């Protein structure tokens, strides 16, 4: 009786070929998940970074202004009287030389503080509990660099300060620009409250992972403030229309100064 040999079955490799395919699918799925999460969270990062950058820049500007030795001046110190051809009339104007000097000094002071802060000088940066600065990154690449936990940026209380830290950087673009603003408010009889201020404009570029935005930070700095009191005229009227009552004050040859006109 002859024994019949059973042929050996070849081992199939189809099962082993699935492992690399599954690995590739898992890697692509994880990368896609991170990409979608990042796309959803990037606007939140950017908005939070813009708010924090504006806070830091405003505090740096305030610290620069507080380092000045000169305080807010009295408005009468920057007003000059101009003689006129009309009798019993005094014209006043602002001393633009003093105002321009204060404006130039303020621009230089703010620009210097911002540049030193971008170079990593922590003495010119405000201390905030929820912000961690990176002086080494600031020294190497410039700009103000700080980290915030993911939980704070996304308002997730569960992770709080335990989440991964997101790097935020912002640069000052160009030089500091400022404008002089005159606010004159009339009150009473021939009196005026005068407020002369400098509005500082700082353009910054906020950078977060995969996104960037340019914004402008404004801050108002008082220069001079005070009340200008004029003499009470003999005839005083207020309001529109011919039926408005008038008040006659028995004064002899009053000199009525006019409100100062802001320079153009």
Protein backbone atom coordinates (compact mmCIF):
# COMPACT_ATOMS: atom_id res chain seq x y z
CA UNK A 1 0.00 0.00 0.00
CA UNK A 2 1.47 3.19 -1.14
CA UNK A 3 1.36 6.27 1.16
CA UNK A 4 0.33 9.40 -0.50
CA UNK A 5 2.26 12.56 0.37
CA UNK A 6 0.20 15.52 1.30
CA UNK A 7 1.59 18.69 -0.26
CA UNK A 8 2.62 21.44 2.17
CA UNK A 9 0.49 24.56 2.13
CA UNK A 10 2.29 27.77 1.51
CA UNK A 11 2.05 30.33 4.30
CA UNK A 12 0.03 33.41 3.32
CA UNK A 13 1.59 36.81 3.93
CA UNK A 14 -1.62 38.75 3.45
CA UNK A 15 -2.18 39.10 7.22
CA UNK A 16 1.25 40.59 7.79
CA UNK A 17 0.76 43.18 5.03
CA UNK A 18 -2.14 44.75 6.96
CA UNK A 19 0.09 45.97 9.83
CA UNK A 20 1.96 48.66 7.85
CA UNK A 21 -1.29 49.83 6.30
CA UNK A 22 -2.93 50.15 9.70
CA UNK A 23 0.11 52.02 11.01
CA UNK A 24 -0.09 54.52 8.15
CA UNK A 25 -3.83 54.98 8.69
CA UNK A 26 -3.33 55.63 12.42
CA UNK A 27 -0.55 58.18 11.77
CA UNK A 28 -2.63 60.02 9.18
CA UNK A 29 -5.67 60.00 11.48
CA UNK A 30 -3.71 61.42 14.41
CA UNK A 31 -2.11 64.10 12.20
CA UNK A 32 -5.52 65.02 10.77
CA UNK A 33 -7.00 65.20 14.26
CA UNK A 34 -4.24 67.54 15.45
CA UNK A 35 -4.65 69.67 12.33
CA UNK A 36 -8.41 70.02 12.81
CA UNK A 37 -8.02 70.82 16.51
CA UNK A 38 -5.36 73.40 15.70
CA UNK A 39 -7.57 75.00 13.03
CA UNK A 40 -10.44 75.22 15.50
CA UNK A 41 -8.27 76.65 18.29
CA UNK A 42 -6.08 79.04 16.26
CA UNK A 43 -8.65 81.91 16.30
CA UNK A 44 -8.92 81.49 20.07
CA UNK A 45 -5.12 81.56 20.43
CA UNK A 46 -4.91 84.66 18.27
CA UNK A 47 -7.62 86.54 20.12
CA UNK A 48 -6.12 85.67 23.50
CA UNK A 49 -2.62 86.58 22.28
CA UNK A 50 -3.87 89.94 21.00
CA UNK A 51 -5.46 90.79 24.36
CA UNK A 52 -2.38 89.76 26.35
CA UNK A 53 0.00 91.57 23.97
CA UNK A 54 -2.05 94.76 24.24
CA UNK A 55 -1.99 94.45 28.03
CA UNK A 56 1.79 94.00 28.14
CA UNK A 57 2.51 96.81 25.66
CA UNK A 58 0.17 99.21 27.50
CA UNK A 59 1.87 98.45 30.81
CA UNK A 60 5.30 98.97 29.25
CA UNK A 61 4.16 102.37 27.92
CA UNK A 62 2.73 103.29 31.33
CA UNK A 63 5.97 102.29 33.03
CA UNK A 64 7.93 104.43 30.59
CA UNK A 65 5.70 107.45 31.24
CA UNK A 66 5.87 106.99 35.01
CA UNK A 67 9.66 107.14 34.82
CA UNK A 68 9.46 110.76 33.69
CA UNK A 69 10.54 113.35 36.21
CA UNK A 70 8.00 115.90 34.97
CA UNK A 71 4.37 115.58 36.06
CA UNK A 72 1.26 116.86 34.38
CA UNK A 73 1.66 120.59 33.85
CA UNK A 74 -0.84 123.33 34.57
CA UNK A 75 -2.50 124.43 31.37
CA UNK A 76 -1.70 128.07 32.16
CA UNK A 77 2.01 127.23 31.86
CA UNK A 78 1.63 126.41 28.16
CA UNK A 79 -0.66 129.30 27.20
CA UNK A 80 0.58 132.65 25.92
CA UNK A 81 -1.29 135.92 25.60
CA UNK A 82 -1.20 137.74 22.27
CA UNK A 83 -1.90 141.46 22.07
CA UNK A 84 -4.64 142.47 19.64
CA UNK A 85 -5.71 145.70 17.95
CA UNK A 86 -9.15 145.50 19.53
CA UNK A 87 -9.53 147.22 22.90
CA UNK A 88 -10.44 145.22 25.99
CA UNK A 89 -9.70 141.94 24.20
CA UNK A 90 -7.01 139.40 24.98
CA UNK A 91 -6.17 136.49 22.65
CA UNK A 92 -4.42 133.36 23.88
CA UNK A 93 -2.62 130.52 22.15
CA UNK A 94 -0.86 127.30 23.11
CA UNK A 95 2.91 127.29 23.37
CA UNK A 96 3.60 124.67 20.70
CA UNK A 97 7.33 124.65 21.48
CA UNK A 98 6.72 123.18 24.93
CA UNK A 99 4.09 120.73 23.66
CA UNK A 100 6.31 119.51 20.80
CA UNK A 101 9.23 119.01 23.18
CA UNK A 102 7.12 116.93 25.55
CA UNK A 103 5.77 114.93 22.60
CA UNK A 104 9.26 114.19 21.25
CA UNK A 105 10.58 113.21 24.69
CA UNK A 106 7.59 110.92 25.24
CA UNK A 107 8.06 109.18 21.88
CA UNK A 108 11.75 108.58 22.58
CA UNK A 109 11.08 107.30 26.09
CA UNK A 110 8.38 104.85 25.01
CA UNK A 111 10.42 103.64 22.01
CA UNK A 112 13.44 103.00 24.24
CA UNK A 113 11.45 101.02 26.80
CA UNK A 114 9.84 98.86 24.11
CA UNK A 115 13.19 98.15 22.44
CA UNK A 116 14.77 97.15 25.75
CA UNK A 117 11.81 94.90 26.50
CA UNK A 118 12.18 93.17 23.12
CA UNK A 119 15.87 92.57 23.88
CA UNK A 120 14.93 90.57 26.97
CA UNK A 121 15.26 93.22 29.67
CA UNK A 122 12.74 91.95 32.22
CA UNK A 123 13.00 95.17 34.25
CA UNK A 124 10.90 96.95 31.60
CA UNK A 125 8.27 94.19 31.44
CA UNK A 126 5.30 94.03 33.82
CA UNK A 127 4.95 91.11 36.19
CA UNK A 128 1.76 89.14 35.54
CA UNK A 129 0.76 85.92 37.32
CA UNK A 130 -0.59 84.19 34.19
CA UNK A 131 2.34 85.03 31.88
CA UNK A 132 5.79 83.43 31.70
CA UNK A 133 8.44 85.31 29.71
CA UNK A 134 11.26 83.68 27.75
CA UNK A 135 14.27 86.04 27.99
CA UNK A 136 16.54 83.70 26.01
CA UNK A 137 14.19 83.65 22.99
CA UNK A 138 13.88 87.43 23.20
CA UNK A 139 17.64 87.87 23.22
CA UNK A 140 18.15 85.46 20.30
CA UNK A 141 15.29 86.35 17.94
CA UNK A 142 13.92 89.63 19.28
CA UNK A 143 10.35 90.45 20.12
CA UNK A 144 8.55 89.90 23.41
CA UNK A 145 8.01 86.15 23.92
CA UNK A 146 5.80 84.68 26.62
CA UNK A 147 3.96 81.44 27.26
CA UNK A 148 0.39 80.83 28.37
CA UNK A 149 -1.16 77.47 29.31
CA UNK A 150 -3.63 76.00 26.86
CA UNK A 151 -6.31 75.90 29.55
CA UNK A 152 -6.20 79.66 30.08
CA UNK A 153 -6.33 80.48 26.38
CA UNK A 154 -9.29 78.16 25.79
CA UNK A 155 -11.02 78.78 29.15
CA UNK A 156 -10.95 75.10 30.09
CA UNK A 157 -10.94 74.94 33.92
CA UNK A 158 -10.17 71.22 34.06
CA UNK A 159 -6.64 71.56 32.74
CA UNK A 160 -6.00 75.10 34.02
CA UNK A 161 -2.26 75.59 34.38
CA UNK A 162 -1.56 71.91 33.68
CA UNK A 163 -2.12 72.09 29.92
CA UNK A 164 0.65 72.51 27.34
CA UNK A 165 2.10 76.01 27.11
CA UNK A 166 1.51 77.96 23.90
CA UNK A 167 4.31 80.34 22.79
CA UNK A 168 3.24 83.87 21.84
CA UNK A 169 5.51 86.50 20.32
CA UNK A 170 4.87 90.07 19.31
CA UNK A 171 7.08 92.65 17.63
CA UNK A 172 6.81 96.42 17.54
CA UNK A 173 6.45 97.45 13.89
CA UNK A 174 8.05 100.76 12.99
CA UNK A 175 8.53 103.71 15.31
CA UNK A 176 6.14 104.92 17.97
CA UNK A 177 3.67 107.47 16.56
CA UNK A 178 1.83 110.06 18.62
CA UNK A 179 -0.73 112.83 18.16
CA UNK A 180 -1.52 115.82 20.34
CA UNK A 181 -5.20 116.05 21.31
CA UNK A 182 -6.84 119.24 22.61
CA UNK A 183 -10.07 118.93 24.56
CA UNK A 184 -11.68 122.29 25.49
CA UNK A 185 -14.94 122.19 27.43
CA UNK A 186 -16.82 125.41 28.14
CA UNK A 187 -18.62 125.82 31.44
CA UNK A 188 -19.95 128.69 33.50
CA UNK A 189 -19.49 132.26 32.32
CA UNK A 190 -16.37 132.65 30.20
CA UNK A 191 -14.57 129.67 31.75
CA UNK A 192 -13.06 126.66 29.99
CA UNK A 193 -11.62 123.33 31.08
CA UNK A 194 -8.61 122.56 28.88
CA UNK A 195 -7.07 119.10 28.58
CA UNK A 196 -3.96 118.67 26.43
CA UNK A 197 -2.94 115.03 25.93
CA UNK A 198 -0.70 112.88 23.76
CA UNK A 199 -2.18 109.75 22.17
CA UNK A 200 0.51 107.10 21.69
CA UNK A 201 0.03 104.63 18.81
CA UNK A 202 2.13 101.45 18.78
CA UNK A 203 1.80 98.99 15.89
CA UNK A 204 2.61 95.41 16.89
CA UNK A 205 2.60 92.08 15.06
CA UNK A 206 1.22 89.22 17.17
CA UNK A 207 2.48 85.73 16.24
CA UNK A 208 1.06 82.39 17.41
CA UNK A 209 1.61 78.91 15.92
CA UNK A 210 0.39 78.93 12.30
CA UNK A 211 -1.13 82.43 12.54
CA UNK A 212 -0.20 86.11 12.79
CA UNK A 213 -2.03 89.41 13.12
CA UNK A 214 -1.16 93.10 13.13
CA UNK A 215 -2.86 95.38 15.62
CA UNK A 216 -2.53 98.93 16.98
CA UNK A 217 -2.28 99.78 20.66
CA UNK A 218 -3.37 103.27 21.75
CA UNK A 219 -2.80 104.99 25.05
CA UNK A 220 -3.64 108.53 26.14
CA UNK A 221 -1.08 110.44 28.19
CA UNK A 222 -2.03 113.76 29.83
CA UNK A 223 0.35 116.67 29.29
CA UNK A 224 -1.45 119.69 30.76
CA UNK A 225 -4.76 120.14 32.52
CA UNK A 226 -6.45 123.12 34.09
CA UNK A 227 -9.14 125.78 34.05
CA UNK A 228 -8.91 129.05 32.18
CA UNK A 229 -10.95 131.72 33.91
CA UNK A 230 -11.95 134.81 31.97
CA UNK A 231 -13.51 137.98 33.25
CA UNK A 232 -17.28 138.20 33.32
CA UNK A 233 -18.55 140.42 30.49
CA UNK A 234 -21.09 143.21 30.96
CA UNK A 235 -23.66 141.46 28.75
CA UNK A 236 -24.03 137.69 28.88
CA UNK A 237 -26.36 135.64 26.73
CA UNK A 238 -26.58 131.94 26.22
CA UNK A 239 -28.64 129.87 23.84
CA UNK A 240 -30.11 130.39 20.40
CA UNK A 241 -32.92 132.66 19.33
CA UNK A 242 -33.71 136.32 19.88
CA UNK A 243 -35.97 135.68 22.88
CA UNK A 244 -33.17 134.46 25.15
CA UNK A 245 -32.76 136.60 28.28
CA UNK A 246 -29.59 138.59 28.85
CA UNK A 247 -27.83 139.46 32.08
CA UNK A 248 -26.13 142.82 32.50
CA UNK A 249 -23.21 142.92 34.90
CA UNK A 250 -21.93 146.36 36.00
CA UNK A 251 -18.24 146.01 35.21
CA UNK A 252 -15.94 148.74 34.02
CA UNK A 253 -13.89 148.09 30.89
CA UNK A 254 -13.62 144.30 31.21
CA UNK A 255 -10.94 142.40 29.36
CA UNK A 256 -12.48 139.26 27.90
CA UNK A 257 -9.92 136.65 26.89
CA UNK A 258 -10.89 134.24 24.19
CA UNK A 259 -10.45 130.48 24.52
CA UNK A 260 -7.14 129.25 23.16
CA UNK A 261 -7.29 127.87 19.65
CA UNK A 262 -5.53 124.52 19.14
CA UNK A 263 -2.69 124.82 16.61
CA UNK A 264 -3.28 123.19 13.25
